[in-house]
């Protein structure tokens, strides 16, 4: 079956005509209402004629691997998944025979649907197919099936039970088994380190092509995603975490496809541009995170009064990693500004200007990403940050004055001096940021209700007297 508009060859408007299987009722699937403040979502109703699971396979010019992938996945689901399912091939403007192969296989397998899109991009395909699907659980995987399908059951179980909102396969945990080249391994780990450092992400693997999401959650957050390509995964996960959703991670066995057409370097650069754009969107308020969080976030557990659980960014190690990453970027910016200004001004003035510019940017970045503070009073934080900046200025200015009083350094000697002094000031800056500028006041706990003093247990004599008194009154 092909879900294609007969006149234009493009996907019908998903808001008007969601794709359906043959003999499937045209009424939309029942969406379980999100329980605001609930610790646990409602379980998915598996006793329905609508497929419980919809697995999307985005493809572009995959004529070589497509049929084998579809038959292998279909056999696995038919044998191991106990509920109704559908496999949706999302053809992203393929120019080879990919679409014809998908249509031919769909005529043989009633659980297979085909959607043809005129635009390329994995994010575009997943957004359109997922928003149109009536199934309560949505998943996707890469056409090469690099991930062992044995991980599919643990990926879906927490979503069906209501335990989690999203589930992702991860290649970057100790329990994962991965076969791939050192280049892709290095790029993948570096990218995830950047996500943890600059965006405060807590998931371990952003780009593994093996993910699932509950449809009730997807309907809420997918309209706020913008990326149409590979960064879509990261955008979805970052937004999910910011909205207080629970992301379940499944260690996977993963074997790299040597024939993959993905340009890893170009994709990594596009992901970095996506990080910049997403950060801008979050800071500008284009994505209404507070409203989404109020509607989607799970309620706190009784133990959430503990400080470490109130603020997931309060762990010392995580703050050190993010602070160090921001500090590395600030140091590079400082060096560039110092060298630029030193060409036409006094070294002390060049040092002052370079420190002032980077200190303001550094305070803002640490406020947002290292210590996870939004709203509040940024003016006060920047004022206190300038006081911290004064300490760094004193250290670097003193080091410059000392080196000039003992020798006549060249330009690089000056630079090494101020960089060394600036690194020394960094440790002081982190302590002051953590203990003073961005210190989170402890949340007041509810006062304990006074309890009535415990009465001593009545003695046998008192009990006998009370019984006798009752009998006398009754007579």
Protein backbone atom coordinates (compact mmCIF):
# COMPACT_ATOMS: atom_id res chain seq x y z
CA UNK A 1 0.00 0.00 0.00
CA UNK A 2 1.32 3.45 -0.86
CA UNK A 3 0.11 6.47 1.04
CA UNK A 4 0.62 8.89 -1.82
CA UNK A 5 -1.57 11.62 -3.21
CA UNK A 6 -2.51 10.34 -6.65
CA UNK A 7 -2.35 13.75 -8.36
CA UNK A 8 0.75 15.36 -6.86
CA UNK A 9 2.78 12.41 -5.62
CA UNK A 10 3.32 14.08 -2.27
CA UNK A 11 2.26 13.25 1.26
CA UNK A 12 -1.23 14.35 2.10
CA UNK A 13 -1.62 16.92 4.84
CA UNK A 14 -1.12 14.85 8.01
CA UNK A 15 -3.43 17.14 9.96
CA UNK A 16 -6.26 16.30 7.57
CA UNK A 17 -5.73 12.74 6.35
CA UNK A 18 -3.51 10.61 8.58
CA UNK A 19 -2.18 7.51 6.79
CA UNK A 20 -4.07 4.30 7.55
CA UNK A 21 -3.68 0.62 7.00
CA UNK A 22 -6.24 -1.30 4.99
CA UNK A 23 -9.34 -2.21 7.06
CA UNK A 24 -8.24 0.27 9.70
CA UNK A 25 -11.04 2.46 11.11
CA UNK A 26 -10.91 6.09 10.07
CA UNK A 27 -11.51 7.38 13.57
CA UNK A 28 -8.36 8.81 15.17
CA UNK A 29 -6.57 6.79 17.79
CA UNK A 30 -7.42 7.42 21.38
CA UNK A 31 -4.78 9.68 22.92
CA UNK A 32 -4.22 9.11 26.58
CA UNK A 33 -4.42 12.52 28.27
CA UNK A 34 -1.20 13.65 29.85
CA UNK A 35 -1.59 13.69 33.60
CA UNK A 36 -0.06 16.97 34.73
CA UNK A 37 2.23 16.44 37.67
CA UNK A 38 1.93 12.66 37.47
CA UNK A 39 4.99 10.58 38.25
CA UNK A 40 3.87 7.91 35.80
CA UNK A 41 2.03 8.13 32.47
CA UNK A 42 -1.04 6.05 31.76
CA UNK A 43 -0.17 2.69 30.15
CA UNK A 44 -0.82 2.37 26.43
CA UNK A 45 -4.04 0.58 25.54
CA UNK A 46 -2.85 -2.48 23.64
CA UNK A 47 -6.34 -3.91 23.12
CA UNK A 48 -7.16 -1.91 20.02
CA UNK A 49 -7.49 -2.39 16.28
CA UNK A 50 -5.04 0.46 15.73
CA UNK A 51 -1.39 -0.61 15.51
CA UNK A 52 0.24 -0.03 18.88
CA UNK A 53 3.63 0.57 17.26
CA UNK A 54 4.58 2.51 14.14
CA UNK A 55 8.22 2.07 13.09
CA UNK A 56 9.42 4.64 10.55
CA UNK A 57 12.34 3.89 8.21
CA UNK A 58 13.60 7.10 6.57
CA UNK A 59 15.30 6.30 3.25
CA UNK A 60 17.10 8.11 0.47
CA UNK A 61 18.45 6.09 -2.46
CA UNK A 62 18.59 2.83 -0.49
CA UNK A 63 17.65 0.41 -3.27
CA UNK A 64 20.49 -1.93 -2.34
CA UNK A 65 19.51 -2.57 1.31
CA UNK A 66 15.84 -1.66 1.56
CA UNK A 67 14.05 -4.92 0.80
CA UNK A 68 16.25 -7.06 3.03
CA UNK A 69 15.83 -4.54 5.85
CA UNK A 70 12.05 -4.47 5.58
CA UNK A 71 11.64 -8.23 5.50
CA UNK A 72 14.04 -8.74 8.39
CA UNK A 73 12.32 -6.12 10.53
CA UNK A 74 8.86 -7.40 9.62
CA UNK A 75 9.79 -10.97 10.56
CA UNK A 76 11.26 -9.82 13.87
CA UNK A 77 8.16 -7.82 14.83
CA UNK A 78 5.77 -10.56 13.78
CA UNK A 79 7.65 -13.11 15.90
CA UNK A 80 8.50 -11.05 18.98
CA UNK A 81 6.11 -8.08 19.27
CA UNK A 82 2.82 -9.24 20.80
CA UNK A 83 0.71 -6.28 19.64
CA UNK A 84 -0.34 -4.72 16.34
CA UNK A 85 2.37 -2.89 14.46
CA UNK A 86 3.06 -1.00 11.28
CA UNK A 87 6.27 -0.25 9.38
CA UNK A 88 6.28 3.05 7.49
CA UNK A 89 8.88 3.67 4.79
CA UNK A 90 9.45 7.42 4.49
CA UNK A 91 11.03 7.96 1.08
CA UNK A 92 12.92 11.27 1.07
CA UNK A 93 12.91 12.24 -2.61
CA UNK A 94 14.91 9.19 -3.76
CA UNK A 95 16.10 9.29 -7.36
CA UNK A 96 16.75 5.55 -7.76
CA UNK A 97 14.31 2.63 -7.51
CA UNK A 98 13.90 2.87 -3.73
CA UNK A 99 10.25 3.94 -3.93
CA UNK A 100 9.31 1.19 -6.41
CA UNK A 101 10.93 -1.47 -4.23
CA UNK A 102 9.10 -0.19 -1.15
CA UNK A 103 5.76 -0.22 -2.99
CA UNK A 104 6.33 -3.75 -4.28
CA UNK A 105 7.15 -5.08 -0.79
CA UNK A 106 4.16 -3.21 0.65
CA UNK A 107 1.84 -5.11 -1.69
CA UNK A 108 3.08 -8.33 -0.10
CA UNK A 109 3.17 -7.25 3.56
CA UNK A 110 -0.09 -5.75 4.85
CA UNK A 111 1.70 -4.14 7.84
CA UNK A 112 3.90 -2.07 5.54
CA UNK A 113 3.04 1.49 4.46
CA UNK A 114 4.96 3.81 2.14
CA UNK A 115 5.08 7.61 2.25
CA UNK A 116 6.79 9.63 -0.47
CA UNK A 117 8.15 13.07 0.41
CA UNK A 118 9.42 15.64 -2.06
CA UNK A 119 11.91 17.08 0.47
CA UNK A 120 15.02 15.38 1.79
CA UNK A 121 15.93 15.10 5.44
CA UNK A 122 15.45 12.61 8.26
CA UNK A 123 13.99 15.22 10.59
CA UNK A 124 11.45 16.34 8.01
CA UNK A 125 10.37 12.74 7.38
CA UNK A 126 10.03 11.78 11.04
CA UNK A 127 8.16 14.92 11.98
CA UNK A 128 5.57 14.49 9.21
CA UNK A 129 5.08 10.76 9.60
CA UNK A 130 4.93 10.82 13.39
CA UNK A 131 2.45 13.69 13.55
CA UNK A 132 0.21 11.85 11.08
CA UNK A 133 0.42 8.43 12.70
CA UNK A 134 -2.50 7.17 14.80
CA UNK A 135 -0.30 4.74 16.78
CA UNK A 136 0.36 5.51 20.46
CA UNK A 137 4.03 4.45 20.26
CA UNK A 138 6.31 5.78 17.51
CA UNK A 139 9.80 4.58 16.67
CA UNK A 140 12.41 4.87 13.97
CA UNK A 141 15.58 3.11 12.96
CA UNK A 142 18.14 3.42 10.19
CA UNK A 143 17.63 1.36 7.08
CA UNK A 144 20.91 -0.51 7.48
CA UNK A 145 19.70 -1.96 10.82
CA UNK A 146 23.13 -1.41 12.33
CA UNK A 147 21.50 -1.81 15.76
CA UNK A 148 20.74 -5.37 16.83
CA UNK A 149 16.95 -5.77 16.89
CA UNK A 150 17.17 -7.61 20.20
CA UNK A 151 17.24 -4.13 21.79
CA UNK A 152 13.81 -3.25 20.37
CA UNK A 153 11.76 -4.90 23.14
CA UNK A 154 13.55 -3.08 26.01
CA UNK A 155 13.30 0.13 23.96
CA UNK A 156 9.50 -0.07 23.72
CA UNK A 157 8.53 -1.62 27.06
CA UNK A 158 8.94 1.50 29.26
CA UNK A 159 6.89 3.58 26.82
CA UNK A 160 4.03 1.10 26.68
CA UNK A 161 3.97 0.74 30.47
CA UNK A 162 4.02 4.50 31.04
CA UNK A 163 7.37 4.45 32.84
CA UNK A 164 9.16 6.68 30.28
CA UNK A 165 8.37 9.22 27.57
CA UNK A 166 11.27 8.70 25.18
CA UNK A 167 13.61 5.76 24.71
CA UNK A 168 16.93 5.83 22.87
CA UNK A 169 19.57 3.33 21.96
CA UNK A 170 23.03 4.26 23.14
CA UNK A 171 26.40 3.13 21.78
CA UNK A 172 28.41 5.02 24.37
CA UNK A 173 27.92 3.10 27.61
CA UNK A 174 30.06 0.36 29.10
CA UNK A 175 27.43 -2.26 28.35
CA UNK A 176 27.15 -1.34 24.66
CA UNK A 177 29.06 -3.37 22.08
CA UNK A 178 30.09 -1.32 19.07
CA UNK A 179 32.11 -2.08 15.97
CA UNK A 180 33.15 1.03 14.05
CA UNK A 181 36.22 2.95 12.96
CA UNK A 182 38.20 5.28 15.24
CA UNK A 183 37.22 8.36 13.18
CA UNK A 184 33.48 7.92 13.74
CA UNK A 185 34.06 6.92 17.37
CA UNK A 186 36.08 10.08 18.04
CA UNK A 187 33.58 12.38 16.30
CA UNK A 188 30.61 10.81 18.08
CA UNK A 189 32.15 11.06 21.54
CA UNK A 190 33.41 14.59 20.92
CA UNK A 191 29.98 15.73 19.81
CA UNK A 192 28.28 14.27 22.86
CA UNK A 193 30.91 15.85 25.11
CA UNK A 194 30.06 19.22 23.54
CA UNK A 195 26.35 18.62 24.19
CA UNK A 196 27.04 17.83 27.83
CA UNK A 197 29.39 20.79 28.25
CA UNK A 198 27.58 23.57 26.43
CA UNK A 199 23.92 22.53 26.60
CA UNK A 200 23.84 20.61 29.85
CA UNK A 201 22.51 17.47 28.15
CA UNK A 202 22.40 14.29 30.23
CA UNK A 203 21.67 11.64 27.57
CA UNK A 204 24.71 9.67 26.48
CA UNK A 205 24.21 9.26 22.71
CA UNK A 206 22.37 11.81 20.57
CA UNK A 207 22.69 10.34 17.10
CA UNK A 208 22.10 6.62 17.40
CA UNK A 209 19.42 5.81 14.80
CA UNK A 210 17.29 3.79 17.19
CA UNK A 211 14.67 5.79 19.10
CA UNK A 212 11.05 5.67 20.22
CA UNK A 213 8.58 8.14 21.71
CA UNK A 214 5.05 8.11 23.05
CA UNK A 215 2.66 9.75 20.61
CA UNK A 216 0.91 11.84 23.26
CA UNK A 217 4.26 13.46 24.09
CA UNK A 218 5.32 13.75 20.44
CA UNK A 219 2.16 15.70 19.59
CA UNK A 220 3.19 18.30 22.16
CA UNK A 221 6.86 18.84 21.38
CA UNK A 222 7.36 17.95 17.69
CA UNK A 223 5.76 21.19 16.43
CA UNK A 224 8.51 23.10 18.26
CA UNK A 225 11.37 21.31 16.47
CA UNK A 226 12.79 22.99 13.37
CA UNK A 227 15.66 20.89 12.05
CA UNK A 228 14.87 18.81 8.97
CA UNK A 229 18.06 16.79 8.88
CA UNK A 230 20.35 14.91 11.27
CA UNK A 231 20.25 17.44 14.12
CA UNK A 232 16.56 16.60 14.62
CA UNK A 233 17.49 13.83 17.07
CA UNK A 234 19.52 16.17 19.25
CA UNK A 235 16.88 18.89 19.14
CA UNK A 236 14.18 16.44 20.18
CA UNK A 237 16.20 15.05 23.09
CA UNK A 238 17.35 18.44 24.41
CA UNK A 239 13.80 19.74 24.26
CA UNK A 240 12.51 16.61 26.00
CA UNK A 241 14.97 17.02 28.87
CA UNK A 242 14.20 20.73 29.22
CA UNK A 243 10.49 19.87 29.44
CA UNK A 244 11.05 17.42 32.27
CA UNK A 245 10.39 14.24 30.31
CA UNK A 246 11.94 10.91 31.21
CA UNK A 247 14.42 9.55 28.66
CA UNK A 248 15.15 5.83 28.93
CA UNK A 249 18.49 4.60 27.53
CA UNK A 250 19.09 1.10 26.19
CA UNK A 251 22.65 -0.17 25.59
CA UNK A 252 22.81 -1.60 22.09
CA UNK A 253 24.97 -3.86 19.99
CA UNK A 254 25.86 -1.78 16.95
CA UNK A 255 27.92 -2.58 13.85
CA UNK A 256 28.89 0.24 11.53
CA UNK A 257 27.71 -0.03 7.94
CA UNK A 258 30.85 0.39 5.78
CA UNK A 259 28.66 1.40 2.81
CA UNK A 260 26.89 4.20 4.68
CA UNK A 261 26.47 7.31 2.53
CA UNK A 262 26.45 9.67 5.50
CA UNK A 263 29.18 12.34 5.38
CA UNK A 264 30.24 12.21 9.03
CA UNK A 265 32.29 15.45 9.03
CA UNK A 266 29.63 17.47 7.22
CA UNK A 267 26.96 16.08 9.53
CA UNK A 268 29.05 16.98 12.59
CA UNK A 269 29.48 20.57 11.36
CA UNK A 270 25.76 20.82 10.69
CA UNK A 271 25.10 19.55 14.20
CA UNK A 272 27.33 22.28 15.68
CA UNK A 273 25.38 24.91 13.73
CA UNK A 274 22.22 23.29 15.05
CA UNK A 275 23.49 23.61 18.62
CA UNK A 276 24.06 27.33 18.12
CA UNK A 277 20.59 27.81 16.63
CA UNK A 278 18.87 25.74 19.32
CA UNK A 279 20.67 27.65 22.07
CA UNK A 280 19.49 30.91 20.52
CA UNK A 281 15.93 29.59 20.32
CA UNK A 282 15.95 28.53 23.96
CA UNK A 283 17.42 31.81 25.18
CA UNK A 284 15.10 33.96 23.06
CA UNK A 285 11.99 32.13 24.22
CA UNK A 286 10.95 30.93 20.76
CA UNK A 287 10.40 27.52 22.32
CA UNK A 288 7.94 27.96 25.23
CA UNK A 289 9.81 25.67 27.61
CA UNK A 290 8.06 26.86 30.81
CA UNK A 291 4.62 26.19 29.30
CA UNK A 292 5.68 22.83 27.90
CA UNK A 293 7.27 21.87 31.17
CA UNK A 294 4.10 22.77 33.07
CA UNK A 295 2.10 20.51 30.74
CA UNK A 296 4.52 17.61 30.35
CA UNK A 297 6.90 17.37 33.30
CA UNK A 298 6.48 14.49 35.68
CA UNK A 299 5.70 15.27 39.28
CA UNK A 300 8.42 15.05 41.93
CA UNK A 301 9.02 11.97 43.96
CA UNK A 302 9.00 12.34 47.74
CA UNK A 303 12.80 12.39 47.74
CA UNK A 304 12.88 15.43 45.45
CA UNK A 305 13.28 17.80 48.39
CA UNK A 306 16.93 16.89 48.37
CA UNK A 307 19.03 19.64 46.86
CA UNK A 308 20.86 17.41 44.38
CA UNK A 309 17.55 16.23 42.91
CA UNK A 310 15.99 19.69 42.77
CA UNK A 311 18.78 20.94 40.54
CA UNK A 312 20.36 18.22 38.33
CA UNK A 313 23.15 20.66 37.43
CA UNK A 314 24.34 20.97 41.02
CA UNK A 315 26.82 18.07 40.86
CA UNK A 316 30.39 19.29 41.22
CA UNK A 317 31.80 17.11 38.43
CA UNK A 318 29.24 18.29 35.88
CA UNK A 319 29.81 21.92 36.80
CA UNK A 320 33.56 21.48 36.48
CA UNK A 321 33.24 19.96 33.00
CA UNK A 322 30.95 22.72 31.74
CA UNK A 323 32.99 25.44 33.43
CA UNK A 324 36.20 24.09 31.88
CA UNK A 325 34.65 23.95 28.40
CA UNK A 326 33.34 27.51 28.65
CA UNK A 327 36.68 28.57 30.10
CA UNK A 328 38.57 27.10 27.14
CA UNK A 329 36.43 29.07 24.71
CA UNK A 330 36.78 32.23 26.84
CA UNK A 331 40.56 31.83 26.98
CA UNK A 332 40.77 31.51 23.20
CA UNK A 333 38.60 34.63 22.80
CA UNK A 334 40.76 36.45 25.36
CA UNK A 335 43.96 35.60 23.47
CA UNK A 336 42.52 36.81 20.16
CA UNK A 337 41.22 40.07 21.64
CA UNK A 338 44.47 40.70 23.54
CA UNK A 339 46.63 40.20 20.45
CA UNK A 340 44.31 42.38 18.38
CA UNK A 341 44.30 45.24 20.90
CA UNK A 342 48.00 44.90 21.70
CA UNK A 343 48.84 45.96 18.16
CA UNK A 344 47.81 49.54 18.86
CA UNK A 345 47.58 50.03 22.64
CA UNK A 346 49.36 49.54 25.95
CA UNK A 347 49.50 45.93 27.26
CA UNK A 348 47.65 46.82 30.46
CA UNK A 349 44.79 48.43 28.52
CA UNK A 350 44.69 45.52 26.06
CA UNK A 351 44.52 43.12 28.99
CA UNK A 352 41.70 45.14 30.58
CA UNK A 353 39.56 45.22 27.42
CA UNK A 354 40.12 41.53 26.63
CA UNK A 355 39.21 40.51 30.18
CA UNK A 356 36.15 42.77 30.30
CA UNK A 357 34.63 41.44 27.08
CA UNK A 358 35.28 37.78 27.87
CA UNK A 359 34.23 38.16 31.52
CA UNK A 360 30.75 39.39 30.58
CA UNK A 361 30.29 36.58 28.06
CA UNK A 362 31.78 34.04 30.49
CA UNK A 363 29.44 35.05 33.31
CA UNK A 364 26.39 34.76 31.06
CA UNK A 365 27.43 31.37 29.70
CA UNK A 366 28.21 29.93 33.14
CA UNK A 367 24.97 31.30 34.53
CA UNK A 368 22.95 29.55 31.87
CA UNK A 369 24.84 26.34 31.12
CA UNK A 370 27.12 25.55 34.09
CA UNK A 371 24.71 26.39 36.91
CA UNK A 372 21.40 26.06 35.01
CA UNK A 373 19.91 29.40 36.09
CA UNK A 374 17.09 30.89 34.01
CA UNK A 375 15.15 34.02 34.82
CA UNK A 376 15.90 35.57 38.18
CA UNK A 377 18.08 38.68 38.29
CA UNK A 378 20.82 38.51 35.62
CA UNK A 379 21.89 42.11 36.35
CA UNK A 380 22.90 41.14 39.89
CA UNK A 381 24.78 38.10 38.62
CA UNK A 382 26.67 40.19 36.06
CA UNK A 383 27.50 42.82 38.69
CA UNK A 384 28.90 40.17 41.00
CA UNK A 385 30.63 38.62 37.99
CA UNK A 386 32.39 41.94 37.38
CA UNK A 387 33.66 41.84 40.96
CA UNK A 388 35.09 38.41 40.22
CA UNK A 389 36.48 39.89 37.02
CA UNK A 390 38.29 42.50 39.14
CA UNK A 391 40.16 39.69 40.92
CA UNK A 392 41.28 38.26 37.59
CA UNK A 393 42.28 41.74 36.42
CA UNK A 394 44.36 42.25 39.56
CA UNK A 395 46.17 38.94 39.06
CA UNK A 396 46.91 39.47 35.36
CA UNK A 397 47.81 43.15 35.76
CA UNK A 398 50.10 42.32 38.65
CA UNK A 399 51.77 39.56 36.63
CA UNK A 400 52.32 41.96 33.71
CA UNK A 401 53.75 44.63 36.00
CA UNK A 402 56.07 42.09 37.63
CA UNK A 403 57.43 40.72 34.36
CA UNK A 404 57.96 44.24 32.97
CA UNK A 405 59.83 45.29 36.14
CA UNK A 406 62.30 42.42 35.83
CA UNK A 407 62.79 42.14 32.06
CA UNK A 408 61.63 43.45 28.69
CA UNK A 409 59.41 40.68 27.33
CA UNK A 410 58.37 40.37 23.71
CA UNK A 411 54.76 40.08 22.62
CA UNK A 412 54.63 36.31 23.17
CA UNK A 413 56.26 36.65 26.57
CA UNK A 414 53.51 39.04 27.59
CA UNK A 415 50.89 36.66 26.25
CA UNK A 416 52.27 33.68 28.17
CA UNK A 417 52.35 35.76 31.35
CA UNK A 418 48.74 36.92 31.17
CA UNK A 419 47.48 33.47 30.10
CA UNK A 420 49.24 31.84 33.06
CA UNK A 421 47.83 34.45 35.44
CA UNK A 422 44.39 34.08 33.89
CA UNK A 423 44.48 30.30 34.42
CA UNK A 424 45.35 30.88 38.07
CA UNK A 425 42.41 33.25 38.35
CA UNK A 426 40.14 30.63 36.80
CA UNK A 427 40.22 28.42 39.90
CA UNK A 428 39.31 31.39 42.07
CA UNK A 429 36.54 32.35 39.63
CA UNK A 430 34.97 28.90 39.75
CA UNK A 431 34.91 28.84 43.55
CA UNK A 432 33.37 32.30 43.74
CA UNK A 433 30.80 31.44 41.07
CA UNK A 434 29.79 28.26 42.86
CA UNK A 435 29.86 29.51 46.45
CA UNK A 436 28.71 33.09 45.98
CA UNK A 437 27.50 34.41 42.60
CA UNK A 438 25.37 31.46 41.48
CA UNK A 439 24.75 29.80 44.82
CA UNK A 440 21.23 28.41 44.95
CA UNK A 441 19.47 29.07 48.25
CA UNK A 442 18.16 25.96 49.90
CA UNK A 443 14.45 25.53 49.38
CA UNK A 444 12.52 25.82 52.61
CA UNK A 445 11.01 22.59 53.74
CA UNK A 446 7.48 22.41 55.03
CA UNK A 447 7.44 22.68 58.83
CA UNK A 448 6.55 19.54 60.60
CA UNK A 449 3.07 19.51 62.06
CA UNK A 450 3.12 19.25 65.84
CA UNK A 451 1.82 15.93 67.00
CA UNK A 452 -0.12 15.31 70.15
CA UNK A 453 1.97 13.84 72.94
CA UNK A 454 1.72 10.12 72.96
CA UNK A 455 -0.55 8.88 75.68
CA UNK A 456 0.75 6.06 77.85
CA UNK A 457 -0.93 2.75 77.35
CA UNK A 458 -3.67 2.18 79.93
CA UNK A 459 -2.85 -0.19 82.73
CA UNK A 460 -4.91 -3.26 83.48
CA UNK A 461 -6.32 -1.59 86.63
CA UNK A 462 -7.42 1.51 84.73
CA UNK A 463 -9.06 -0.62 82.06
CA UNK A 464 -11.03 -2.59 84.66
CA UNK A 465 -12.18 0.62 86.38
CA UNK A 466 -13.32 2.12 83.04
CA UNK A 467 -15.26 -1.05 82.20
CA UNK A 468 -16.99 -1.08 85.57
CA UNK A 469 -17.91 2.59 85.19
CA UNK A 470 -19.43 1.91 81.75
CA UNK A 471 -21.49 -1.02 83.00
CA UNK A 472 -22.80 1.01 85.95
CA UNK A 473 -23.83 3.88 83.64
CA UNK A 474 -25.61 1.46 81.29
CA UNK A 475 -27.62 -0.10 84.11
